[in-house]
PDB file of N, CA and C in Angstrom:
ATOM      1  N   MET A   1     122.540  64.907  77.317  1.00  0.00           N
ATOM      2  CA  MET A   1     123.060  65.896  78.099  1.00  0.00           C
ATOM      3  C   MET A   1     121.986  66.784  79.499  1.00  0.00           C
ATOM      4  N   THR A   2     122.319  67.169  80.183  1.00  0.00           N
ATOM      5  CA  THR A   2     121.516  67.940  81.108  1.00  0.00           C
ATOM      6  C   THR A   2     121.384  69.205  80.676  1.00  0.00           C
ATOM      7  N   ALA A   3     120.288  70.189  81.060  1.00  0.00           N
ATOM      8  CA  ALA A   3     120.744  71.353  80.913  1.00  0.00           C
ATOM      9  C   ALA A   3     120.200  72.373  81.977  1.00  0.00           C
ATOM     10  N   LEU A   4     120.582  73.706  81.956  1.00  0.00           N
ATOM     11  CA  LEU A   4     120.253  74.306  82.833  1.00  0.00           C
ATOM     12  C   LEU A   4     119.266  75.650  82.190  1.00  0.00           C
ATOM     13  N   TRP A   5     118.220  76.051  82.742  1.00  0.00           N
ATOM     14  CA  TRP A   5     117.220  76.903  82.950  1.00  0.00           C
ATOM     15  C   TRP A   5     117.817  78.082  83.772  1.00  0.00           C
ATOM     16  N   ILE A   6     117.928  79.300  83.250  1.00  0.00           N
ATOM     17  CA  ILE A   6     118.528  80.367  84.005  1.00  0.00           C
ATOM     18  C   ILE A   6     117.702  81.599  83.562  1.00  0.00           C
ATOM     19  N   ALA A   7     117.165  82.114  84.734  1.00  0.00           N
ATOM     20  CA  ALA A   7     116.301  83.189  84.876  1.00  0.00           C
ATOM     21  C   ALA A   7     116.960  84.469  85.367  1.00  0.00           C
ATOM     22  N   HIS A   8     117.154  85.735  85.192  1.00  0.00           N
ATOM     23  CA  HIS A   8     117.128  86.664  85.785  1.00  0.00           C
ATOM     24  C   HIS A   8     116.135  87.785  85.280  1.00  0.00           C
ATOM     25  N   VAL A   9     115.543  88.044  86.901  1.00  0.00           N
ATOM     26  CA  VAL A   9     114.199  88.628  86.788  1.00  0.00           C
ATOM     27  C   VAL A   9     114.114  89.816  87.534  1.00  0.00           C
ATOM     28  N   THR A  10     113.381  90.716  87.529  1.00  0.00           N
ATOM     29  CA  THR A  10     113.733  91.850  88.291  1.00  0.00           C
ATOM     30  C   THR A  10     111.686  92.155  88.487  1.00  0.00           C
ATOM     31  N   VAL A  11     110.974  91.821  89.394  1.00  0.00           N
ATOM     32  CA  VAL A  11     109.773  91.780  89.709  1.00  0.00           C
ATOM     33  C   VAL A  11     109.063  93.216  90.060  1.00  0.00           C
ATOM     34  N   THR A  12     108.259  93.814  88.873  1.00  0.00           N
ATOM     35  CA  THR A  12     107.559  94.698  89.393  1.00  0.00           C
ATOM     36  C   THR A  12     106.317  94.931  89.690  1.00  0.00           C
ATOM     37  N   ASP A  13     105.713  93.464  90.039  1.00  0.00           N
ATOM     38  CA  ASP A  13     103.883  93.475  90.108  1.00  0.00           C
ATOM     39  C   ASP A  13     104.271  91.829  90.977  1.00  0.00           C
ATOM     40  N   ALA A  14     104.556  92.180  92.336  1.00  0.00           N
ATOM     41  CA  ALA A  14     104.937  90.840  93.426  1.00  0.00           C
ATOM     42  C   ALA A  14     103.626  90.057  93.348  1.00  0.00           C
ATOM     43  N   GLU A  15     102.359  90.874  93.665  1.00  0.00           N
ATOM     44  CA  GLU A  15     101.422  89.660  93.915  1.00  0.00           C
ATOM     45  C   GLU A  15     101.049  89.281  92.508  1.00  0.00           C
ATOM     46  N   ALA A  16     101.157  89.857  91.449  1.00  0.00           N
ATOM     47  CA  ALA A  16     101.083  88.754  89.809  1.00  0.00           C
ATOM     48  C   ALA A  16     102.082  87.784  89.937  1.00  0.00           C
ATOM     49  N   TYR A  17     103.167  88.234  89.922  1.00  0.00           N
ATOM     50  CA  TYR A  17     104.469  87.410  89.963  1.00  0.00           C
ATOM     51  C   TYR A  17     104.471  86.277  91.033  1.00  0.00           C
ATOM     52  N   GLY A  18     103.646  86.655  92.267  1.00  0.00           N
ATOM     53  CA  GLY A  18     103.483  85.243  93.401  1.00  0.00           C
ATOM     54  C   GLY A  18     102.737  84.198  92.624  1.00  0.00           C
ATOM     55  N   LYS A  19     101.644  84.863  91.792  1.00  0.00           N
ATOM     56  CA  LYS A  19     100.417  83.493  91.032  1.00  0.00           C
ATOM     57  C   LYS A  19     101.709  82.869  89.976  1.00  0.00           C
ATOM     58  N   TYR A  20     102.416  83.841  89.279  1.00  0.00           N
ATOM     59  CA  TYR A  20     103.033  82.845  88.383  1.00  0.00           C
ATOM     60  C   TYR A  20     104.177  81.952  88.870  1.00  0.00           C
ATOM     61  N   ALA A  21     104.559  82.442  89.797  1.00  0.00           N
ATOM     62  CA  ALA A  21     105.741  81.130  91.192  1.00  0.00           C
ATOM     63  C   ALA A  21     104.947  80.236  91.578  1.00  0.00           C
ATOM     64  N   LYS A  22     103.501  80.430  92.124  1.00  0.00           N
ATOM     65  CA  LYS A  22     102.836  79.305  92.392  1.00  0.00           C
ATOM     66  C   LYS A  22     102.394  78.140  90.981  1.00  0.00           C
ATOM     67  N   LEU A  23     102.230  78.673  89.944  1.00  0.00           N
ATOM     68  CA  LEU A  23     101.995  77.971  89.321  1.00  0.00           C
ATOM     69  C   LEU A  23     103.002  77.352  88.294  1.00  0.00           C
ATOM     70  N   ALA A  24     104.274  78.263  88.338  1.00  0.00           N
ATOM     71  CA  ALA A  24     105.512  77.652  87.323  1.00  0.00           C
ATOM     72  C   ALA A  24     106.018  76.490  87.954  1.00  0.00           C
ATOM     73  N   GLY A  25     106.357  76.200  89.623  1.00  0.00           N
ATOM     74  CA  GLY A  25     106.948  75.379  89.955  1.00  0.00           C
ATOM     75  C   GLY A  25     106.376  74.037  89.841  1.00  0.00           C
ATOM     76  N   PRO A  26     105.184  73.548  89.772  1.00  0.00           N
ATOM     77  CA  PRO A  26     104.728  72.649  89.542  1.00  0.00           C
ATOM     78  C   PRO A  26     104.774  71.925  88.011  1.00  0.00           C
ATOM     79  N   ALA A  27     104.756  73.018  87.063  1.00  0.00           N
ATOM     80  CA  ALA A  27     105.217  72.979  85.734  1.00  0.00           C
ATOM     81  C   ALA A  27     106.511  72.495  85.413  1.00  0.00           C
ATOM     82  N   ILE A  28     107.598  72.961  86.243  1.00  0.00           N
ATOM     83  CA  ILE A  28     108.824  72.847  85.968  1.00  0.00           C
ATOM     84  C   ILE A  28     109.174  71.458  86.360  1.00  0.00           C
ATOM     85  N   ALA A  29     108.673  71.066  87.516  1.00  0.00           N
ATOM     86  CA  ALA A  29     108.860  69.789  88.024  1.00  0.00           C
ATOM     87  C   ALA A  29     108.319  68.496  87.528  1.00  0.00           C
ATOM     88  N   ALA A  30     106.797  68.806  86.663  1.00  0.00           N
ATOM     89  CA  ALA A  30     106.515  67.992  86.051  1.00  0.00           C
ATOM     90  C   ALA A  30     106.843  67.587  84.698  1.00  0.00           C
ATOM     91  N   HIS A  31     108.238  68.621  84.320  1.00  0.00           N
ATOM     92  CA  HIS A  31     108.858  68.319  83.112  1.00  0.00           C
ATOM     93  C   HIS A  31     110.631  67.867  83.223  1.00  0.00           C
ATOM     94  N   GLY A  32     110.351  67.436  84.700  1.00  0.00           N
ATOM     95  CA  GLY A  32     111.722  67.159  85.048  1.00  0.00           C
ATOM     96  C   GLY A  32     112.891  67.847  85.977  1.00  0.00           C
ATOM     97  N   GLY A  33     112.155  69.423  85.946  1.00  0.00           N
ATOM     98  CA  GLY A  33     113.151  70.647  86.100  1.00  0.00           C
ATOM     99  C   GLY A  33     112.975  70.541  87.870  1.00  0.00           C
ATOM    100  N   VAL A  34     114.791  70.311  88.425  1.00  0.00           N
ATOM    101  CA  VAL A  34     114.677  71.012  89.700  1.00  0.00           C
ATOM    102  C   VAL A  34     115.569  71.986  90.160  1.00  0.00           C
ATOM    103  N   PHE A  35     114.816  72.669  90.610  1.00  0.00           N
ATOM    104  CA  PHE A  35     115.715  74.442  91.238  1.00  0.00           C
ATOM    105  C   PHE A  35     117.130  74.003  92.059  1.00  0.00           C
ATOM    106  N   LEU A  36     117.654  74.325  91.326  1.00  0.00           N
ATOM    107  CA  LEU A  36     119.462  74.586  92.410  1.00  0.00           C
ATOM    108  C   LEU A  36     119.682  75.813  92.947  1.00  0.00           C
ATOM    109  N   ALA A  37     118.640  76.864  92.391  1.00  0.00           N
ATOM    110  CA  ALA A  37     118.979  78.014  93.013  1.00  0.00           C
ATOM    111  C   ALA A  37     117.382  78.850  92.677  1.00  0.00           C
ATOM    112  N   ARG A  38     117.084  79.696  93.784  1.00  0.00           N
ATOM    113  CA  ARG A  38     115.873  80.190  93.428  1.00  0.00           C
ATOM    114  C   ARG A  38     115.661  81.419  94.408  1.00  0.00           C
ATOM    115  N   GLY A  39     116.110  82.531  93.958  1.00  0.00           N
ATOM    116  CA  GLY A  39     116.496  83.504  94.552  1.00  0.00           C
ATOM    117  C   GLY A  39     117.472  83.776  95.141  1.00  0.00           C
ATOM    118  N   GLY A  40     117.679  84.183  96.640  1.00  0.00           N
ATOM    119  CA  GLY A  40     119.206  84.019  97.544  1.00  0.00           C
ATOM    120  C   GLY A  40     119.713  84.932  97.217  1.00  0.00           C
ATOM    121  N   ARG A  41     120.840  84.802  97.823  1.00  0.00           N
ATOM    122  CA  ARG A  41     122.283  85.865  98.051  1.00  0.00           C
ATOM    123  C   ARG A  41     123.140  85.615  96.384  1.00  0.00           C
ATOM    124  N   TYR A  42     123.262  86.786  95.764  1.00  0.00           N
ATOM    125  CA  TYR A  42     124.137  86.669  94.688  1.00  0.00           C
ATOM    126  C   TYR A  42     125.266  88.168  94.804  1.00  0.00           C
ATOM    127  N   LEU A  43     125.872  87.988  93.627  1.00  0.00           N
ATOM    128  CA  LEU A  43     126.725  88.738  93.225  1.00  0.00           C
ATOM    129  C   LEU A  43     126.880  89.383  91.643  1.00  0.00           C
ATOM    130  N   GLN A  44     126.319  90.507  91.631  1.00  0.00           N
ATOM    131  CA  GLN A  44     126.482  90.659  90.157  1.00  0.00           C
ATOM    132  C   GLN A  44     127.761  91.488  89.728  1.00  0.00           C
ATOM    133  N   LEU A  45     128.642  90.894  88.824  1.00  0.00           N
ATOM    134  CA  LEU A  45     129.691  91.352  88.633  1.00  0.00           C
ATOM    135  C   LEU A  45     129.648  91.550  87.222  1.00  0.00           C
ATOM    136  N   GLU A  46     128.769  91.624  86.046  1.00  0.00           N
ATOM    137  CA  GLU A  46     128.676  92.274  84.840  1.00  0.00           C
ATOM    138  C   GLU A  46     127.194  91.887  84.507  1.00  0.00           C
ATOM    139  N   GLY A  47     126.994  93.040  83.489  1.00  0.00           N
ATOM    140  CA  GLY A  47     125.371  93.306  83.051  1.00  0.00           C
ATOM    141  C   GLY A  47     124.581  93.713  83.704  1.00  0.00           C
ATOM    142  N   THR A  48     123.623  93.410  83.285  1.00  0.00           N
ATOM    143  CA  THR A  48     122.116  94.173  84.123  1.00  0.00           C
ATOM    144  C   THR A  48     121.728  93.221  85.226  1.00  0.00           C
ATOM    145  N   GLU A  49     121.739  94.236  86.310  1.00  0.00           N
ATOM    146  CA  GLU A  49     121.613  93.375  87.727  1.00  0.00           C
ATOM    147  C   GLU A  49     120.020  93.255  87.830  1.00  0.00           C
ATOM    148  N   ARG A  50     119.471  92.046  88.131  1.00  0.00           N
ATOM    149  CA  ARG A  50     118.089  91.606  88.196  1.00  0.00           C
ATOM    150  C   ARG A  50     118.408  90.942  89.651  1.00  0.00           C
ATOM    151  N   SER A  51     117.004  91.417  90.446  1.00  0.00           N
ATOM    152  CA  SER A  51     117.234  91.099  92.126  1.00  0.00           C
ATOM    153  C   SER A  51     116.799  89.692  92.380  1.00  0.00           C
ATOM    154  N   ARG A  52     116.589  88.884  91.220  1.00  0.00           N
ATOM    155  CA  ARG A  52     115.704  87.685  91.607  1.00  0.00           C
ATOM    156  C   ARG A  52     116.916  86.717  90.178  1.00  0.00           C
ATOM    157  N   ASN A  53     117.286  85.576  90.582  1.00  0.00           N
ATOM    158  CA  ASN A  53     117.911  84.763  89.737  1.00  0.00           C
ATOM    159  C   ASN A  53     117.651  83.189  90.146  1.00  0.00           C
ATOM    160  N   VAL A  54     117.106  82.770  89.138  1.00  0.00           N
ATOM    161  CA  VAL A  54     116.811  81.530  89.692  1.00  0.00           C
ATOM    162  C   VAL A  54     117.172  80.011  88.444  1.00  0.00           C
ATOM    163  N   VAL A  55     117.876  79.157  89.004  1.00  0.00           N
ATOM    164  CA  VAL A  55     118.356  78.007  88.392  1.00  0.00           C
ATOM    165  C   VAL A  55     117.716  76.903  88.371  1.00  0.00           C
ATOM    166  N   ALA A  56     117.307  76.153  87.060  1.00  0.00           N
ATOM    167  CA  ALA A  56     116.950  75.152  87.136  1.00  0.00           C
ATOM    168  C   ALA A  56     117.322  73.657  86.315  1.00  0.00           C
ATOM    169  N   ARG A  57     117.562  72.663  87.011  1.00  0.00           N
ATOM    170  CA  ARG A  57     118.406  71.814  85.884  1.00  0.00           C
ATOM    171  C   ARG A  57     117.410  70.692  85.347  1.00  0.00           C
ATOM    172  N   PHE A  58     117.340  70.348  83.898  1.00  0.00           N
ATOM    173  CA  PHE A  58     116.416  69.593  83.429  1.00  0.00           C
ATOM    174  C   PHE A  58     117.223  68.724  82.700  1.00  0.00           C
ATOM    175  N   PRO A  59     116.654  67.409  82.305  1.00  0.00           N
ATOM    176  CA  PRO A  59     117.111  66.189  81.828  1.00  0.00           C
ATOM    177  C   PRO A  59     117.916  66.185  80.665  1.00  0.00           C
ATOM    178  N   SER A  60     117.295  67.514  79.322  1.00  0.00           N
ATOM    179  CA  SER A  60     118.016  67.580  78.224  1.00  0.00           C
ATOM    180  C   SER A  60     117.382  68.939  78.049  1.00  0.00           C
ATOM    181  N   VAL A  61     117.635  69.678  77.105  1.00  0.00           N
ATOM    182  CA  VAL A  61     117.675  71.040  76.343  1.00  0.00           C
ATOM    183  C   VAL A  61     116.023  70.826  76.182  1.00  0.00           C
ATOM    184  N   GLU A  62     115.738  69.673  75.544  1.00  0.00           N
ATOM    185  CA  GLU A  62     114.647  69.466  74.978  1.00  0.00           C
ATOM    186  C   GLU A  62     113.556  69.180  75.961  1.00  0.00           C
ATOM    187  N   ALA A  63     113.694  68.901  77.192  1.00  0.00           N
ATOM    188  CA  ALA A  63     112.972  69.016  78.134  1.00  0.00           C
ATOM    189  C   ALA A  63     112.529  70.308  78.815  1.00  0.00           C
ATOM    190  N   ALA A  64     113.629  71.110  78.908  1.00  0.00           N
ATOM    191  CA  ALA A  64     113.466  72.349  79.470  1.00  0.00           C
ATOM    192  C   ALA A  64     113.043  73.121  78.471  1.00  0.00           C
ATOM    193  N   GLU A  65     112.718  72.763  76.929  1.00  0.00           N
ATOM    194  CA  GLU A  65     112.202  73.508  76.104  1.00  0.00           C
ATOM    195  C   GLU A  65     110.617  73.130  76.090  1.00  0.00           C
ATOM    196  N   ALA A  66     110.321  72.109  76.342  1.00  0.00           N
ATOM    197  CA  ALA A  66     109.114  71.367  76.392  1.00  0.00           C
ATOM    198  C   ALA A  66     107.891  72.132  77.370  1.00  0.00           C
ATOM    199  N   CYS A  67     109.097  72.225  78.525  1.00  0.00           N
ATOM    200  CA  CYS A  67     108.366  73.044  79.606  1.00  0.00           C
ATOM    201  C   CYS A  67     108.116  73.939  79.317  1.00  0.00           C
ATOM    202  N   TYR A  68     109.087  74.828  78.945  1.00  0.00           N
ATOM    203  CA  TYR A  68     108.719  76.453  78.580  1.00  0.00           C
ATOM    204  C   TYR A  68     107.412  76.951  77.624  1.00  0.00           C
ATOM    205  N   ARG A  69     107.142  75.582  76.403  1.00  0.00           N
ATOM    206  CA  ARG A  69     106.182  75.617  75.424  1.00  0.00           C
ATOM    207  C   ARG A  69     105.005  74.933  75.871  1.00  0.00           C
ATOM    208  N   SER A  70     104.982  74.568  77.367  1.00  0.00           N
ATOM    209  CA  SER A  70     103.836  73.380  77.493  1.00  0.00           C
ATOM    210  C   SER A  70     102.568  74.314  78.165  1.00  0.00           C
ATOM    211  N   ALA A  71     101.453  73.989  78.000  1.00  0.00           N
ATOM    212  CA  ALA A  71     100.310  74.583  78.297  1.00  0.00           C
ATOM    213  C   ALA A  71     100.015  74.980  79.652  1.00  0.00           C
ATOM    214  N   GLU A  72     100.930  74.358  80.516  1.00  0.00           N
ATOM    215  CA  GLU A  72     100.827  74.589  82.398  1.00  0.00           C
ATOM    216  C   GLU A  72     101.690  75.834  82.529  1.00  0.00           C
ATOM    217  N   TYR A  73     102.915  75.721  81.979  1.00  0.00           N
ATOM    218  CA  TYR A  73     103.928  76.563  81.943  1.00  0.00           C
ATOM    219  C   TYR A  73     103.175  78.233  81.299  1.00  0.00           C
ATOM    220  N   GLN A  74     102.719  77.925  80.070  1.00  0.00           N
ATOM    221  CA  GLN A  74     102.531  79.517  79.567  1.00  0.00           C
ATOM    222  C   GLN A  74     101.056  79.936  80.589  1.00  0.00           C
ATOM    223  N   ALA A  75     100.454  79.025  80.776  1.00  0.00           N
ATOM    224  CA  ALA A  75      99.509  79.436  82.040  1.00  0.00           C
ATOM    225  C   ALA A  75     100.276  80.214  82.978  1.00  0.00           C
ATOM    226  N   ALA A  76     101.254  79.526  83.607  1.00  0.00           N
ATOM    227  CA  ALA A  76     101.860  80.579  84.451  1.00  0.00           C
ATOM    228  C   ALA A  76     102.493  81.683  84.182  1.00  0.00           C
ATOM    229  N   LEU A  77     103.035  81.479  83.077  1.00  0.00           N
ATOM    230  CA  LEU A  77     103.554  82.513  82.555  1.00  0.00           C
ATOM    231  C   LEU A  77     103.185  84.226  82.163  1.00  0.00           C
ATOM    232  N   SER A  78     101.787  83.462  81.728  1.00  0.00           N
ATOM    233  CA  SER A  78     100.516  85.077  81.682  1.00  0.00           C
ATOM    234  C   SER A  78     100.598  85.739  82.837  1.00  0.00           C
ATOM    235  N   HIS A  79     100.774  85.381  84.193  1.00  0.00           N
ATOM    236  CA  HIS A  79     101.088  86.188  85.119  1.00  0.00           C
ATOM    237  C   HIS A  79     101.950  86.923  85.253  1.00  0.00           C
ATOM    238  N   ALA A  80     102.987  86.309  84.407  1.00  0.00           N
ATOM    239  CA  ALA A  80     104.346  86.833  84.550  1.00  0.00           C
ATOM    240  C   ALA A  80     104.632  88.441  83.793  1.00  0.00           C
ATOM    241  N   ILE A  81     103.567  88.217  82.888  1.00  0.00           N
ATOM    242  CA  ILE A  81     103.958  89.142  81.496  1.00  0.00           C
ATOM    243  C   ILE A  81     103.377  90.636  82.279  1.00  0.00           C
ATOM    244  N   GLY A  82     104.400  91.654  82.155  1.00  0.00           N
ATOM    245  CA  GLY A  82     103.821  92.896  82.463  1.00  0.00           C
ATOM    246  C   GLY A  82     103.985  92.741  84.059  1.00  0.00           C
ATOM    247  N   ALA A  83     104.593  91.600  84.626  1.00  0.00           N
ATOM    248  CA  ALA A  83     104.813  91.683  86.399  1.00  0.00           C
ATOM    249  C   ALA A  83     106.167  91.775  86.747  1.00  0.00           C
ATOM    250  N   ALA A  84     107.187  91.722  85.284  1.00  0.00           N
ATOM    251  CA  ALA A  84     108.170  91.403  85.682  1.00  0.00           C
ATOM    252  C   ALA A  84     109.426  91.737  84.370  1.00  0.00           C
ATOM    253  N   GLU A  85     110.623  91.958  84.709  1.00  0.00           N
ATOM    254  CA  GLU A  85     111.167  91.851  83.501  1.00  0.00           C
ATOM    255  C   GLU A  85     112.614  91.002  83.722  1.00  0.00           C
ATOM    256  N   ARG A  86     112.405  90.197  82.503  1.00  0.00           N
ATOM    257  CA  ARG A  86     112.954  88.855  82.421  1.00  0.00           C
ATOM    258  C   ARG A  86     114.036  88.391  81.638  1.00  0.00           C
ATOM    259  N   ASP A  87     114.992  87.596  81.763  1.00  0.00           N
ATOM    260  CA  ASP A  87     115.750  87.042  80.890  1.00  0.00           C
ATOM    261  C   ASP A  87     115.858  85.407  81.080  1.00  0.00           C
ATOM    262  N   LEU A  88     115.378  84.856  80.199  1.00  0.00           N
ATOM    263  CA  LEU A  88     115.901  83.507  80.470  1.00  0.00           C
ATOM    264  C   LEU A  88     116.519  82.477  79.234  1.00  0.00           C
ATOM    265  N   VAL A  89     117.454  81.741  79.870  1.00  0.00           N
ATOM    266  CA  VAL A  89     117.923  81.083  78.949  1.00  0.00           C
ATOM    267  C   VAL A  89     118.467  79.584  79.335  1.00  0.00           C
ATOM    268  N   ILE A  90     118.494  78.626  78.371  1.00  0.00           N
ATOM    269  CA  ILE A  90     118.708  77.366  78.466  1.00  0.00           C
ATOM    270  C   ILE A  90     119.983  76.938  77.776  1.00  0.00           C
ATOM    271  N   VAL A  91     120.610  76.379  78.702  1.00  0.00           N
ATOM    272  CA  VAL A  91     121.976  75.920  78.602  1.00  0.00           C
ATOM    273  C   VAL A  91     122.553  74.686  78.497  1.00  0.00           C
ATOM    274  N   GLU A  92     122.828  74.113  77.590  1.00  0.00           N
ATOM    275  CA  GLU A  92     123.468  72.427  77.765  1.00  0.00           C
ATOM    276  C   GLU A  92     124.427  72.187  79.075  1.00  0.00           C
ATOM    277  N   GLU A  93     124.665  71.520  79.618  1.00  0.00           N
ATOM    278  CA  GLU A  93     125.933  71.109  80.614  1.00  0.00           C
ATOM    279  C   GLU A  93     126.531  71.038  79.755  1.00  0.00           C
ATOM    280  N   SER A  94     128.080  70.997  80.154  1.00  0.00           N
ATOM    281  CA  SER A  94     129.225  70.377  79.727  1.00  0.00           C
ATOM    282  C   SER A  94     129.377  68.816  80.260  1.00  0.00           C
ATOM    283  N   ALA A  95     129.776  68.060  79.322  1.00  0.00           N
ATOM    284  CA  ALA A  95     130.444  66.928  80.192  1.00  0.00           C
ATOM    285  C   ALA A  95     131.533  66.979  81.330  1.00  0.00           C
ATOM    286  N   PRO A  96     131.666  66.130  82.215  1.00  0.00           N
ATOM    287  CA  PRO A  96     132.576  66.360  83.407  1.00  0.00           C
ATOM    288  C   PRO A  96     133.737  66.308  82.987  1.00  0.00           C
TER     289      PRO A  96
END
């Protein structure tokens, strides 16, 4: 089953977060991730509003987790630490 990587982000240091984004994209793609939404228009109905919302689809929960734990993504993530407030969840998609 495919899985969605869903991140809700408030960027607090645009320069450092830009370094994260530059490195994270290739790491995500290398693990089969495809962006479905990255930034863009949104409507916050409940919970904590975060100005940046990202959704990527992976071949499986395992592939998404392997991406997160990979050396490439962790190198990217080192630029996001302290540069953003983030919530990240991986959710298995339901069968149609």
